[in-house]
Amino acid sequence: MSEQDLRTLLLVDLVLLTVAVLGVAVWTGRWRSWVELEPHYRDGGLLFPWFTPFAIIIRTALFLKLSLGIDLLIYEMIALATGCMVIGLSAASLHWPKWALPPWYREYLNEKQSKRDGRDEAAR
C-alpha cells in the first residue's frame, strides 16, 4: 500500500469512527438535543444509530481487502451494510419498524402522542 492509500484509509477511519460514536450517543440517549430541531434534521439524527453498524462492517471489509487481500465475504458484508442503511432510512423517515428506533425516542414519541391525545379530548 502506498503512503497516499494509508492517508486515505486513515481519513476514512476517522470519519467512520466519528459517525460510530455519534450513533452510540444517539442510541443510548446521551445526545438528544437534535430532537427539538426541525423534522428533516430530526430524521437525520435517527440515521446515526444505523450508520454505526454500517460503518463497522464497511471498515472491516476494507481492512480485509486492503490489508490481508481477503475478499471472501466482501459481497455478503456489503449486503449486510446495505440492509443496515435500509433499516436506518426506514426508521428515520417512517418511524418504522418501531424496534429500529432508540428506546428513549420511542418513549418520547409516546409521550408526545399522549399529550396530543389529551389536548384533543380536552377540546371536545
PDB file of N, CA and C in Angstrom:
ATOM      1  N   MET A   1       0.841  -1.175   0.000  1.00  0.00           N
ATOM      2  CA  MET A   1       0.000   0.000   0.000  1.00  0.00           C
ATOM      3  C   MET A   1       0.887   1.238   0.000  1.00  0.00           C
ATOM      4  N   SER A   2       0.473   2.214  -0.783  1.00  0.00           N
ATOM      5  CA  SER A   2       1.257   3.448  -0.846  1.00  0.00           C
ATOM      6  C   SER A   2       0.921   4.343   0.348  1.00  0.00           C
ATOM      7  N   GLU A   3       1.732   5.357   0.513  1.00  0.00           N
ATOM      8  CA  GLU A   3       1.517   6.288   1.613  1.00  0.00           C
ATOM      9  C   GLU A   3       0.198   7.044   1.426  1.00  0.00           C
ATOM     10  N   GLN A   4      -0.129   7.369   0.191  1.00  0.00           N
ATOM     11  CA  GLN A   4      -1.392   8.046  -0.098  1.00  0.00           C
ATOM     12  C   GLN A   4      -2.590   7.164   0.269  1.00  0.00           C
ATOM     13  N   ASP A   5      -2.494   5.864  -0.007  1.00  0.00           N
ATOM     14  CA  ASP A   5      -3.564   4.935   0.363  1.00  0.00           C
ATOM     15  C   ASP A   5      -3.740   4.875   1.877  1.00  0.00           C
ATOM     16  N   LEU A   6      -2.631   4.884   2.594  1.00  0.00           N
ATOM     17  CA  LEU A   6      -2.698   4.851   4.054  1.00  0.00           C
ATOM     18  C   LEU A   6      -3.341   6.117   4.608  1.00  0.00           C
ATOM     19  N   ARG A   7      -3.014   7.267   4.026  1.00  0.00           N
ATOM     20  CA  ARG A   7      -3.632   8.526   4.471  1.00  0.00           C
ATOM     21  C   ARG A   7      -5.130   8.510   4.206  1.00  0.00           C
ATOM     22  N   THR A   8      -5.507   8.024   3.046  1.00  0.00           N
ATOM     23  CA  THR A   8      -6.931   7.952   2.707  1.00  0.00           C
ATOM     24  C   THR A   8      -7.649   7.015   3.660  1.00  0.00           C
ATOM     25  N   LEU A   9      -7.057   5.879   3.937  1.00  0.00           N
ATOM     26  CA  LEU A   9      -7.655   4.918   4.858  1.00  0.00           C
ATOM     27  C   LEU A   9      -7.779   5.502   6.264  1.00  0.00           C
ATOM     28  N   LEU A  10      -6.788   6.260   6.687  1.00  0.00           N
ATOM     29  CA  LEU A  10      -6.833   6.901   7.995  1.00  0.00           C
ATOM     30  C   LEU A  10      -7.958   7.929   8.060  1.00  0.00           C
ATOM     31  N   LEU A  11      -8.147   8.694   6.994  1.00  0.00           N
ATOM     32  CA  LEU A  11      -9.236   9.664   6.945  1.00  0.00           C
ATOM     33  C   LEU A  11     -10.589   8.958   6.989  1.00  0.00           C
ATOM     34  N   VAL A  12     -10.725   7.877   6.230  1.00  0.00           N
ATOM     35  CA  VAL A  12     -11.960   7.100   6.245  1.00  0.00           C
ATOM     36  C   VAL A  12     -12.209   6.545   7.649  1.00  0.00           C
ATOM     37  N   ASP A  13     -11.168   6.045   8.295  1.00  0.00           N
ATOM     38  CA  ASP A  13     -11.297   5.536   9.664  1.00  0.00           C
ATOM     39  C   ASP A  13     -11.784   6.623  10.615  1.00  0.00           C
ATOM     40  N   LEU A  14     -11.235   7.804  10.485  1.00  0.00           N
ATOM     41  CA  LEU A  14     -11.606   8.910  11.359  1.00  0.00           C
ATOM     42  C   LEU A  14     -13.083   9.274  11.177  1.00  0.00           C
ATOM     43  N   VAL A  15     -13.532   9.356   9.937  1.00  0.00           N
ATOM     44  CA  VAL A  15     -14.933   9.676   9.657  1.00  0.00           C
ATOM     45  C   VAL A  15     -15.843   8.573  10.187  1.00  0.00           C
ATOM     46  N   LEU A  16     -15.509   7.318   9.911  1.00  0.00           N
ATOM     47  CA  LEU A  16     -16.342   6.204  10.364  1.00  0.00           C
ATOM     48  C   LEU A  16     -16.375   6.110  11.883  1.00  0.00           C
ATOM     49  N   LEU A  17     -15.258   6.365  12.535  1.00  0.00           N
ATOM     50  CA  LEU A  17     -15.220   6.341  13.995  1.00  0.00           C
ATOM     51  C   LEU A  17     -16.087   7.454  14.577  1.00  0.00           C
ATOM     52  N   THR A  18     -16.025   8.631  13.999  1.00  0.00           N
ATOM     53  CA  THR A  18     -16.848   9.752  14.462  1.00  0.00           C
ATOM     54  C   THR A  18     -18.326   9.426  14.334  1.00  0.00           C
ATOM     55  N   VAL A  19     -18.708   8.885  13.198  1.00  0.00           N
ATOM     56  CA  VAL A  19     -20.107   8.523  12.982  1.00  0.00           C
ATOM     57  C   VAL A  19     -20.524   7.406  13.939  1.00  0.00           C
ATOM     58  N   ALA A  20     -19.647   6.455  14.176  1.00  0.00           N
ATOM     59  CA  ALA A  20     -19.955   5.359  15.098  1.00  0.00           C
ATOM     60  C   ALA A  20     -20.186   5.887  16.515  1.00  0.00           C
ATOM     61  N   VAL A  21     -19.354   6.820  16.955  1.00  0.00           N
ATOM     62  CA  VAL A  21     -19.513   7.407  18.293  1.00  0.00           C
ATOM     63  C   VAL A  21     -20.832   8.178  18.371  1.00  0.00           C
ATOM     64  N   LEU A  22     -21.161   8.930  17.329  1.00  0.00           N
ATOM     65  CA  LEU A  22     -22.435   9.652  17.307  1.00  0.00           C
ATOM     66  C   LEU A  22     -23.615   8.681  17.344  1.00  0.00           C
ATOM     67  N   GLY A  23     -23.501   7.571  16.631  1.00  0.00           N
ATOM     68  CA  GLY A  23     -24.557   6.574  16.627  1.00  0.00           C
ATOM     69  C   GLY A  23     -24.803   5.987  17.998  1.00  0.00           C
ATOM     70  N   VAL A  24     -23.738   5.678  18.698  1.00  0.00           N
ATOM     71  CA  VAL A  24     -23.867   5.142  20.062  1.00  0.00           C
ATOM     72  C   VAL A  24     -24.452   6.209  20.985  1.00  0.00           C
ATOM     73  N   ALA A  25     -24.024   7.453  20.812  1.00  0.00           N
ATOM     74  CA  ALA A  25     -24.549   8.540  21.649  1.00  0.00           C
ATOM     75  C   ALA A  25     -26.043   8.744  21.426  1.00  0.00           C
ATOM     76  N   VAL A  26     -26.499   8.642  20.192  1.00  0.00           N
ATOM     77  CA  VAL A  26     -27.929   8.788  19.898  1.00  0.00           C
ATOM     78  C   VAL A  26     -28.699   7.602  20.461  1.00  0.00           C
ATOM     79  N   TRP A  27     -28.214   6.379  20.233  1.00  0.00           N
ATOM     80  CA  TRP A  27     -28.950   5.187  20.669  1.00  0.00           C
ATOM     81  C   TRP A  27     -29.100   5.150  22.182  1.00  0.00           C
ATOM     82  N   THR A  28     -28.036   5.505  22.903  1.00  0.00           N
ATOM     83  CA  THR A  28     -28.075   5.452  24.364  1.00  0.00           C
ATOM     84  C   THR A  28     -28.763   6.662  24.975  1.00  0.00           C
ATOM     85  N   GLY A  29     -29.031   7.680  24.166  1.00  0.00           N
ATOM     86  CA  GLY A  29     -29.699   8.871  24.675  1.00  0.00           C
ATOM     87  C   GLY A  29     -28.756   9.910  25.232  1.00  0.00           C
ATOM     88  N   ARG A  30     -27.471   9.732  25.061  1.00  0.00           N
ATOM     89  CA  ARG A  30     -26.504  10.728  25.537  1.00  0.00           C
ATOM     90  C   ARG A  30     -26.586  12.024  24.737  1.00  0.00           C
ATOM     91  N   TRP A  31     -27.008  11.909  23.477  1.00  0.00           N
ATOM     92  CA  TRP A  31     -27.142  13.093  22.617  1.00  0.00           C
ATOM     93  C   TRP A  31     -28.585  13.157  22.138  1.00  0.00           C
ATOM     94  N   ARG A  32     -29.365  14.022  22.804  1.00  0.00           N
ATOM     95  CA  ARG A  32     -30.792  14.134  22.496  1.00  0.00           C
ATOM     96  C   ARG A  32     -31.187  15.514  21.990  1.00  0.00           C
ATOM     97  N   SER A  33     -30.292  16.454  21.966  1.00  0.00           N
ATOM     98  CA  SER A  33     -30.652  17.835  21.640  1.00  0.00           C
ATOM     99  C   SER A  33     -31.219  17.988  20.237  1.00  0.00           C
ATOM    100  N   TRP A  34     -30.900  17.087  19.334  1.00  0.00           N
ATOM    101  CA  TRP A  34     -31.380  17.178  17.959  1.00  0.00           C
ATOM    102  C   TRP A  34     -32.874  16.912  17.833  1.00  0.00           C
ATOM    103  N   VAL A  35     -33.501  16.361  18.880  1.00  0.00           N
ATOM    104  CA  VAL A  35     -34.921  16.004  18.820  1.00  0.00           C
ATOM    105  C   VAL A  35     -35.804  17.243  18.667  1.00  0.00           C
ATOM    106  N   GLU A  36     -35.386  18.354  19.214  1.00  0.00           N
ATOM    107  CA  GLU A  36     -36.200  19.572  19.167  1.00  0.00           C
ATOM    108  C   GLU A  36     -36.005  20.364  17.872  1.00  0.00           C
ATOM    109  N   LEU A  37     -35.191  19.881  16.971  1.00  0.00           N
ATOM    110  CA  LEU A  37     -34.952  20.576  15.707  1.00  0.00           C
ATOM    111  C   LEU A  37     -36.095  20.327  14.735  1.00  0.00           C
ATOM    112  N   GLU A  38     -35.994  20.943  13.567  1.00  0.00           N
ATOM    113  CA  GLU A  38     -36.979  20.734  12.511  1.00  0.00           C
ATOM    114  C   GLU A  38     -37.038  19.244  12.147  1.00  0.00           C
ATOM    115  N   PRO A  39     -38.180  18.765  11.652  1.00  0.00           N
ATOM    116  CA  PRO A  39     -38.330  17.333  11.365  1.00  0.00           C
ATOM    117  C   PRO A  39     -37.268  16.748  10.430  1.00  0.00           C
ATOM    118  N   HIS A  40     -36.856  17.463   9.401  1.00  0.00           N
ATOM    119  CA  HIS A  40     -35.871  16.872   8.499  1.00  0.00           C
ATOM    120  C   HIS A  40     -34.502  16.733   9.162  1.00  0.00           C
ATOM    121  N   TYR A  41     -34.168  17.594  10.125  1.00  0.00           N
ATOM    122  CA  TYR A  41     -32.925  17.405  10.871  1.00  0.00           C
ATOM    123  C   TYR A  41     -33.079  16.269  11.875  1.00  0.00           C
ATOM    124  N   ARG A  42     -34.241  16.219  12.512  1.00  0.00           N
ATOM    125  CA  ARG A  42     -34.501  15.172  13.500  1.00  0.00           C
ATOM    126  C   ARG A  42     -34.442  13.799  12.849  1.00  0.00           C
ATOM    127  N   ASP A  43     -35.022  13.676  11.684  1.00  0.00           N
ATOM    128  CA  ASP A  43     -34.988  12.391  10.999  1.00  0.00           C
ATOM    129  C   ASP A  43     -33.564  11.994  10.632  1.00  0.00           C
ATOM    130  N   GLY A  44     -32.738  12.963  10.311  1.00  0.00           N
ATOM    131  CA  GLY A  44     -31.329  12.670  10.037  1.00  0.00           C
ATOM    132  C   GLY A  44     -30.607  12.141  11.262  1.00  0.00           C
ATOM    133  N   GLY A  45     -30.990  12.622  12.432  1.00  0.00           N
ATOM    134  CA  GLY A  45     -30.382  12.142  13.670  1.00  0.00           C
ATOM    135  C   GLY A  45     -30.677  10.680  13.929  1.00  0.00           C
ATOM    136  N   LEU A  46     -31.835  10.218  13.459  1.00  0.00           N
ATOM    137  CA  LEU A  46     -32.194   8.815  13.648  1.00  0.00           C
ATOM    138  C   LEU A  46     -31.385   7.879  12.760  1.00  0.00           C
ATOM    139  N   LEU A  47     -30.683   8.423  11.787  1.00  0.00           N
ATOM    140  CA  LEU A  47     -29.841   7.586  10.926  1.00  0.00           C
ATOM    141  C   LEU A  47     -28.550   7.149  11.621  1.00  0.00           C
ATOM    142  N   PHE A  48     -28.059   7.963  12.552  1.00  0.00           N
ATOM    143  CA  PHE A  48     -26.769   7.681  13.170  1.00  0.00           C
ATOM    144  C   PHE A  48     -26.658   6.301  13.811  1.00  0.00           C
ATOM    145  N   PRO A  49     -27.666   5.840  14.594  1.00  0.00           N
ATOM    146  CA  PRO A  49     -27.516   4.509  15.190  1.00  0.00           C
ATOM    147  C   PRO A  49     -27.393   3.397  14.156  1.00  0.00           C
ATOM    148  N   TRP A  50     -28.012   3.559  13.002  1.00  0.00           N
ATOM    149  CA  TRP A  50     -27.937   2.521  11.973  1.00  0.00           C
ATOM    150  C   TRP A  50     -26.742   2.711  11.057  1.00  0.00           C
ATOM    151  N   PHE A  51     -26.160   3.875  11.088  1.00  0.00           N
ATOM    152  CA  PHE A  51     -24.941   4.084  10.322  1.00  0.00           C
ATOM    153  C   PHE A  51     -23.746   3.479  11.049  1.00  0.00           C
ATOM    154  N   THR A  52     -23.868   3.305  12.368  1.00  0.00           N
ATOM    155  CA  THR A  52     -22.773   2.723  13.145  1.00  0.00           C
ATOM    156  C   THR A  52     -22.431   1.297  12.703  1.00  0.00           C
ATOM    157  N   PRO A  53     -23.391   0.346  12.652  1.00  0.00           N
ATOM    158  CA  PRO A  53     -23.011  -0.983  12.161  1.00  0.00           C
ATOM    159  C   PRO A  53     -22.592  -0.954  10.695  1.00  0.00           C
ATOM    160  N   PHE A  54     -23.197  -0.062   9.916  1.00  0.00           N
ATOM    161  CA  PHE A  54     -22.801   0.109   8.519  1.00  0.00           C
ATOM    162  C   PHE A  54     -21.322   0.477   8.450  1.00  0.00           C
ATOM    163  N   ALA A  55     -20.913   1.450   9.264  1.00  0.00           N
ATOM    164  CA  ALA A  55     -19.527   1.909   9.258  1.00  0.00           C
ATOM    165  C   ALA A  55     -18.569   0.805   9.706  1.00  0.00           C
ATOM    166  N   ILE A  56     -18.954   0.062  10.733  1.00  0.00           N
ATOM    167  CA  ILE A  56     -18.089  -1.014  11.229  1.00  0.00           C
ATOM    168  C   ILE A  56     -17.938  -2.119  10.182  1.00  0.00           C
ATOM    169  N   ILE A  57     -19.041  -2.471   9.533  1.00  0.00           N
ATOM    170  CA  ILE A  57     -18.999  -3.528   8.520  1.00  0.00           C
ATOM    171  C   ILE A  57     -18.152  -3.098   7.322  1.00  0.00           C
ATOM    172  N   ILE A  58     -18.371  -1.876   6.853  1.00  0.00           N
ATOM    173  CA  ILE A  58     -17.600  -1.387   5.705  1.00  0.00           C
ATOM    174  C   ILE A  58     -16.119  -1.292   6.062  1.00  0.00           C
ATOM    175  N   ARG A  59     -15.806  -0.838   7.255  1.00  0.00           N
ATOM    176  CA  ARG A  59     -14.396  -0.734   7.668  1.00  0.00           C
ATOM    177  C   ARG A  59     -13.758  -2.113   7.752  1.00  0.00           C
ATOM    178  N   THR A  60     -14.487  -3.079   8.261  1.00  0.00           N
ATOM    179  CA  THR A  60     -13.961  -4.442   8.327  1.00  0.00           C
ATOM    180  C   THR A  60     -13.718  -4.991   6.928  1.00  0.00           C
ATOM    181  N   ALA A  61     -14.647  -4.728   6.023  1.00  0.00           N
ATOM    182  CA  ALA A  61     -14.479  -5.177   4.636  1.00  0.00           C
ATOM    183  C   ALA A  61     -13.252  -4.517   3.998  1.00  0.00           C
ATOM    184  N   LEU A  62     -13.082  -3.227   4.249  1.00  0.00           N
ATOM    185  CA  LEU A  62     -11.900  -2.528   3.714  1.00  0.00           C
ATOM    186  C   LEU A  62     -10.610  -3.107   4.290  1.00  0.00           C
ATOM    187  N   PHE A  63     -10.630  -3.379   5.591  1.00  0.00           N
ATOM    188  CA  PHE A  63      -9.448  -3.944   6.227  1.00  0.00           C
ATOM    189  C   PHE A  63      -9.092  -5.299   5.628  1.00  0.00           C
ATOM    190  N   LEU A  64     -10.105  -6.159   5.492  1.00  0.00           N
ATOM    191  CA  LEU A  64      -9.859  -7.482   4.926  1.00  0.00           C
ATOM    192  C   LEU A  64      -9.327  -7.396   3.502  1.00  0.00           C
ATOM    193  N   LYS A  65      -9.885  -6.490   2.732  1.00  0.00           N
ATOM    194  CA  LYS A  65      -9.492  -6.372   1.329  1.00  0.00           C
ATOM    195  C   LYS A  65      -8.109  -5.746   1.185  1.00  0.00           C
ATOM    196  N   LEU A  66      -7.886  -4.608   1.830  1.00  0.00           N
ATOM    197  CA  LEU A  66      -6.650  -3.862   1.614  1.00  0.00           C
ATOM    198  C   LEU A  66      -5.459  -4.414   2.396  1.00  0.00           C
ATOM    199  N   SER A  67      -5.687  -4.838   3.624  1.00  0.00           N
ATOM    200  CA  SER A  67      -4.564  -5.277   4.450  1.00  0.00           C
ATOM    201  C   SER A  67      -4.216  -6.748   4.243  1.00  0.00           C
ATOM    202  N   LEU A  68      -5.232  -7.576   4.166  1.00  0.00           N
ATOM    203  CA  LEU A  68      -4.988  -9.009   4.098  1.00  0.00           C
ATOM    204  C   LEU A  68      -5.235  -9.599   2.713  1.00  0.00           C
ATOM    205  N   GLY A  69      -5.837  -8.813   1.826  1.00  0.00           N
ATOM    206  CA  GLY A  69      -6.107  -9.294   0.479  1.00  0.00           C
ATOM    207  C   GLY A  69      -7.235 -10.305   0.417  1.00  0.00           C
ATOM    208  N   ILE A  70      -8.047 -10.364   1.461  1.00  0.00           N
ATOM    209  CA  ILE A  70      -9.158 -11.317   1.515  1.00  0.00           C
ATOM    210  C   ILE A  70     -10.429 -10.619   1.053  1.00  0.00           C
ATOM    211  N   ASP A  71     -11.049 -11.130   0.012  1.00  0.00           N
ATOM    212  CA  ASP A  71     -12.335 -10.583  -0.387  1.00  0.00           C
ATOM    213  C   ASP A  71     -13.379 -11.692  -0.456  1.00  0.00           C
ATOM    214  N   LEU A  72     -13.223 -12.647   0.441  1.00  0.00           N
ATOM    215  CA  LEU A  72     -14.104 -13.800   0.507  1.00  0.00           C
ATOM    216  C   LEU A  72     -15.544 -13.407   0.836  1.00  0.00           C
ATOM    217  N   LEU A  73     -15.719 -12.541   1.819  1.00  0.00           N
ATOM    218  CA  LEU A  73     -17.054 -12.180   2.276  1.00  0.00           C
ATOM    219  C   LEU A  73     -17.436 -10.748   1.922  1.00  0.00           C
ATOM    220  N   ILE A  74     -16.758 -10.146   0.988  1.00  0.00           N
ATOM    221  CA  ILE A  74     -16.994  -8.745   0.658  1.00  0.00           C
ATOM    222  C   ILE A  74     -18.455  -8.504   0.273  1.00  0.00           C
ATOM    223  N   TYR A  75     -18.991  -9.312  -0.625  1.00  0.00           N
ATOM    224  CA  TYR A  75     -20.356  -9.076  -1.093  1.00  0.00           C
ATOM    225  C   TYR A  75     -21.389  -9.308  -0.002  1.00  0.00           C
ATOM    226  N   GLU A  76     -21.153 -10.284   0.853  1.00  0.00           N
ATOM    227  CA  GLU A  76     -22.051 -10.520   1.966  1.00  0.00           C
ATOM    228  C   GLU A  76     -22.013  -9.356   2.957  1.00  0.00           C
ATOM    229  N   MET A  77     -20.821  -8.833   3.198  1.00  0.00           N
ATOM    230  CA  MET A  77     -20.682  -7.709   4.118  1.00  0.00           C
ATOM    231  C   MET A  77     -21.335  -6.451   3.550  1.00  0.00           C
ATOM    232  N   ILE A  78     -21.181  -6.235   2.267  1.00  0.00           N
ATOM    233  CA  ILE A  78     -21.814  -5.075   1.639  1.00  0.00           C
ATOM    234  C   ILE A  78     -23.336  -5.215   1.682  1.00  0.00           C
ATOM    235  N   ALA A  79     -23.846  -6.413   1.464  1.00  0.00           N
ATOM    236  CA  ALA A  79     -25.295  -6.638   1.552  1.00  0.00           C
ATOM    237  C   ALA A  79     -25.793  -6.387   2.974  1.00  0.00           C
ATOM    238  N   LEU A  80     -25.047  -6.838   3.975  1.00  0.00           N
ATOM    239  CA  LEU A  80     -25.423  -6.616   5.367  1.00  0.00           C
ATOM    240  C   LEU A  80     -25.393  -5.121   5.705  1.00  0.00           C
ATOM    241  N   ALA A  81     -24.359  -4.440   5.254  1.00  0.00           N
ATOM    242  CA  ALA A  81     -24.242  -3.000   5.497  1.00  0.00           C
ATOM    243  C   ALA A  81     -25.378  -2.245   4.814  1.00  0.00           C
ATOM    244  N   THR A  82     -25.724  -2.658   3.605  1.00  0.00           N
ATOM    245  CA  THR A  82     -26.834  -2.026   2.889  1.00  0.00           C
ATOM    246  C   THR A  82     -28.147  -2.255   3.632  1.00  0.00           C
ATOM    247  N   GLY A  83     -28.315  -3.448   4.186  1.00  0.00           N
ATOM    248  CA  GLY A  83     -29.500  -3.730   4.989  1.00  0.00           C
ATOM    249  C   GLY A  83     -29.601  -2.800   6.193  1.00  0.00           C
ATOM    250  N   CYS A  84     -28.473  -2.533   6.834  1.00  0.00           N
ATOM    251  CA  CYS A  84     -28.460  -1.598   7.967  1.00  0.00           C
ATOM    252  C   CYS A  84     -28.914  -0.208   7.529  1.00  0.00           C
ATOM    253  N   MET A  85     -28.455   0.230   6.379  1.00  0.00           N
ATOM    254  CA  MET A  85     -28.840   1.553   5.902  1.00  0.00           C
ATOM    255  C   MET A  85     -30.311   1.601   5.506  1.00  0.00           C
ATOM    256  N   VAL A  86     -30.835   0.525   4.936  1.00  0.00           N
ATOM    257  CA  VAL A  86     -32.263   0.490   4.583  1.00  0.00           C
ATOM    258  C   VAL A  86     -33.108   0.578   5.852  1.00  0.00           C
ATOM    259  N   ILE A  87     -32.732  -0.169   6.883  1.00  0.00           N
ATOM    260  CA  ILE A  87     -33.448  -0.098   8.161  1.00  0.00           C
ATOM    261  C   ILE A  87     -33.345   1.311   8.737  1.00  0.00           C
ATOM    262  N   GLY A  88     -32.150   1.894   8.671  1.00  0.00           N
ATOM    263  CA  GLY A  88     -31.960   3.252   9.184  1.00  0.00           C
ATOM    264  C   GLY A  88     -32.795   4.282   8.444  1.00  0.00           C
ATOM    265  N   LEU A  89     -32.833   4.189   7.124  1.00  0.00           N
ATOM    266  CA  LEU A  89     -33.650   5.127   6.346  1.00  0.00           C
ATOM    267  C   LEU A  89     -35.133   4.951   6.646  1.00  0.00           C
ATOM    268  N   SER A  90     -35.572   3.714   6.797  1.00  0.00           N
ATOM    269  CA  SER A  90     -36.967   3.448   7.131  1.00  0.00           C
ATOM    270  C   SER A  90     -37.306   3.996   8.524  1.00  0.00           C
ATOM    271  N   ALA A  91     -36.433   3.753   9.479  1.00  0.00           N
ATOM    272  CA  ALA A  91     -36.670   4.240  10.843  1.00  0.00           C
ATOM    273  C   ALA A  91     -36.668   5.763  10.885  1.00  0.00           C
ATOM    274  N   ALA A  92     -35.749   6.382  10.153  1.00  0.00           N
ATOM    275  CA  ALA A  92     -35.643   7.841  10.174  1.00  0.00           C
ATOM    276  C   ALA A  92     -36.817   8.511   9.473  1.00  0.00           C
ATOM    277  N   SER A  93     -37.236   7.988   8.343  1.00  0.00           N
ATOM    278  CA  SER A  93     -38.266   8.678   7.576  1.00  0.00           C
ATOM    279  C   SER A  93     -39.688   8.255   7.947  1.00  0.00           C
ATOM    280  N   LEU A  94     -39.890   6.990   8.285  1.00  0.00           N
ATOM    281  CA  LEU A  94     -41.242   6.483   8.549  1.00  0.00           C
ATOM    282  C   LEU A  94     -41.507   6.157  10.017  1.00  0.00           C
ATOM    283  N   HIS A  95     -40.439   6.179  10.837  1.00  0.00           N
ATOM    284  CA  HIS A  95     -40.509   5.734  12.233  1.00  0.00           C
ATOM    285  C   HIS A  95     -41.025   4.302  12.315  1.00  0.00           C
ATOM    286  N   TRP A  96     -40.614   3.507  11.357  1.00  0.00           N
ATOM    287  CA  TRP A  96     -40.993   2.108  11.281  1.00  0.00           C
ATOM    288  C   TRP A  96     -39.806   1.318  10.795  1.00  0.00           C
ATOM    289  N   PRO A  97     -39.503   0.173  11.297  1.00  0.00           N
ATOM    290  CA  PRO A  97     -40.157  -0.548  12.394  1.00  0.00           C
ATOM    291  C   PRO A  97     -39.814   0.078  13.737  1.00  0.00           C
ATOM    292  N   LYS A  98     -40.717  -0.046  14.675  1.00  0.00           N
ATOM    293  CA  LYS A  98     -40.537   0.598  15.981  1.00  0.00           C
ATOM    294  C   LYS A  98     -39.289   0.096  16.698  1.00  0.00           C
ATOM    295  N   TRP A  99     -38.947  -1.177  16.527  1.00  0.00           N
ATOM    296  CA  TRP A  99     -37.771  -1.715  17.209  1.00  0.00           C
ATOM    297  C   TRP A  99     -36.483  -1.087  16.681  1.00  0.00           C
ATOM    298  N   ALA A 100     -36.534  -0.451  15.537  1.00  0.00           N
ATOM    299  CA  ALA A 100     -35.337   0.164  14.963  1.00  0.00           C
ATOM    300  C   ALA A 100     -35.085   1.565  15.514  1.00  0.00           C
ATOM    301  N   LEU A 101     -36.018   2.081  16.289  1.00  0.00           N
ATOM    302  CA  LEU A 101     -35.854   3.394  16.913  1.00  0.00           C
ATOM    303  C   LEU A 101     -35.193   3.228  18.273  1.00  0.00           C
ATOM    304  N   PRO A 102     -34.381   4.189  18.691  1.00  0.00           N
ATOM    305  CA  PRO A 102     -33.803   4.107  20.043  1.00  0.00           C
ATOM    306  C   PRO A 102     -34.918   4.052  21.093  1.00  0.00           C
ATOM    307  N   PRO A 103     -34.738   3.278  22.162  1.00  0.00           N
ATOM    308  CA  PRO A 103     -35.791   3.127  23.177  1.00  0.00           C
ATOM    309  C   PRO A 103     -36.270   4.458  23.755  1.00  0.00           C
ATOM    310  N   TRP A 104     -35.360   5.364  24.047  1.00  0.00           N
ATOM    311  CA  TRP A 104     -35.765   6.644  24.623  1.00  0.00           C
ATOM    312  C   TRP A 104     -36.562   7.465  23.613  1.00  0.00           C
ATOM    313  N   TYR A 105     -36.287   7.306  22.320  1.00  0.00           N
ATOM    314  CA  TYR A 105     -37.024   8.050  21.301  1.00  0.00           C
ATOM    315  C   TYR A 105     -38.448   7.510  21.166  1.00  0.00           C
ATOM    316  N   ARG A 106     -38.613   6.196  21.317  1.00  0.00           N
ATOM    317  CA  ARG A 106     -39.966   5.624  21.310  1.00  0.00           C
ATOM    318  C   ARG A 106     -40.785   6.187  22.460  1.00  0.00           C
ATOM    319  N   GLU A 107     -40.172   6.305  23.646  1.00  0.00           N
ATOM    320  CA  GLU A 107     -40.861   6.889  24.796  1.00  0.00           C
ATOM    321  C   GLU A 107     -41.221   8.347  24.522  1.00  0.00           C
ATOM    322  N   TYR A 108     -40.299   9.073  23.904  1.00  0.00           N
ATOM    323  CA  TYR A 108     -40.539  10.475  23.542  1.00  0.00           C
ATOM    324  C   TYR A 108     -41.745  10.574  22.608  1.00  0.00           C
ATOM    325  N   LEU A 109     -41.823   9.715  21.594  1.00  0.00           N
ATOM    326  CA  LEU A 109     -42.956   9.731  20.665  1.00  0.00           C
ATOM    327  C   LEU A 109     -44.257   9.374  21.375  1.00  0.00           C
ATOM    328  N   ASN A 110     -44.203   8.396  22.290  1.00  0.00           N
ATOM    329  CA  ASN A 110     -45.402   8.007  23.040  1.00  0.00           C
ATOM    330  C   ASN A 110     -45.902   9.149  23.926  1.00  0.00           C
ATOM    331  N   GLU A 111     -44.966   9.852  24.596  1.00  0.00           N
ATOM    332  CA  GLU A 111     -45.353  10.996  25.434  1.00  0.00           C
ATOM    333  C   GLU A 111     -45.953  12.107  24.584  1.00  0.00           C
ATOM    334  N   LYS A 112     -45.351  12.362  23.453  1.00  0.00           N
ATOM    335  CA  LYS A 112     -45.840  13.400  22.548  1.00  0.00           C
ATOM    336  C   LYS A 112     -47.249  13.049  22.057  1.00  0.00           C
ATOM    337  N   GLN A 113     -47.474  11.781  21.723  1.00  0.00           N
ATOM    338  CA  GLN A 113     -48.792  11.329  21.269  1.00  0.00           C
ATOM    339  C   GLN A 113     -49.811  11.416  22.405  1.00  0.00           C
ATOM    340  N   SER A 114     -49.400  11.073  23.624  1.00  0.00           N
ATOM    341  CA  SER A 114     -50.304  11.144  24.774  1.00  0.00           C
ATOM    342  C   SER A 114     -50.743  12.588  25.032  1.00  0.00           C
ATOM    343  N   LYS A 115     -49.807  13.515  24.943  1.00  0.00           N
ATOM    344  CA  LYS A 115     -50.139  14.931  25.131  1.00  0.00           C
ATOM    345  C   LYS A 115     -51.093  15.401  24.049  1.00  0.00           C
ATOM    346  N   ARG A 116     -50.843  14.981  22.821  1.00  0.00           N
ATOM    347  CA  ARG A 116     -51.697  15.352  21.714  1.00  0.00           C
ATOM    348  C   ARG A 116     -53.102  14.763  21.899  1.00  0.00           C
ATOM    349  N   ASP A 117     -53.187  13.529  22.340  1.00  0.00           N
ATOM    350  CA  ASP A 117     -54.484  12.885  22.579  1.00  0.00           C
ATOM    351  C   ASP A 117     -55.218  13.592  23.722  1.00  0.00           C
ATOM    352  N   GLY A 118     -54.480  13.995  24.744  1.00  0.00           N
ATOM    353  CA  GLY A 118     -55.090  14.706  25.877  1.00  0.00           C
ATOM    354  C   GLY A 118     -55.645  16.044  25.454  1.00  0.00           C
ATOM    355  N   ARG A 119     -54.960  16.764  24.594  1.00  0.00           N
ATOM    356  CA  ARG A 119     -55.458  18.043  24.095  1.00  0.00           C
ATOM    357  C   ARG A 119     -56.682  17.851  23.226  1.00  0.00           C
ATOM    358  N   ASP A 120     -56.674  16.775  22.427  1.00  0.00           N
ATOM    359  CA  ASP A 120     -57.825  16.517  21.563  1.00  0.00           C
ATOM    360  C   ASP A 120     -59.078  16.220  22.391  1.00  0.00           C
ATOM    361  N   GLU A 121     -58.916  15.450  23.469  1.00  0.00           N
ATOM    362  CA  GLU A 121     -60.042  15.124  24.333  1.00  0.00           C
ATOM    363  C   GLU A 121     -60.531  16.356  25.093  1.00  0.00           C
ATOM    364  N   ALA A 122     -59.596  17.211  25.503  1.00  0.00           N
ATOM    365  CA  ALA A 122     -59.961  18.436  26.225  1.00  0.00           C
ATOM    366  C   ALA A 122     -60.695  19.415  25.318  1.00  0.00           C
ATOM    367  N   ALA A 123     -60.385  19.408  24.036  1.00  0.00           N
ATOM    368  CA  ALA A 123     -61.029  20.298  23.085  1.00  0.00           C
ATOM    369  C   ALA A 123     -62.476  19.883  22.808  1.00  0.00           C
ATOM    370  N   ARG A 124     -62.784  18.635  23.028  1.00  0.00           N
ATOM    371  CA  ARG A 124     -64.150  18.147  22.785  1.00  0.00           C
ATOM    372  C   ARG A 124     -65.007  18.579  23.884  1.00  0.00           C
TER     373      ARG A 124
END
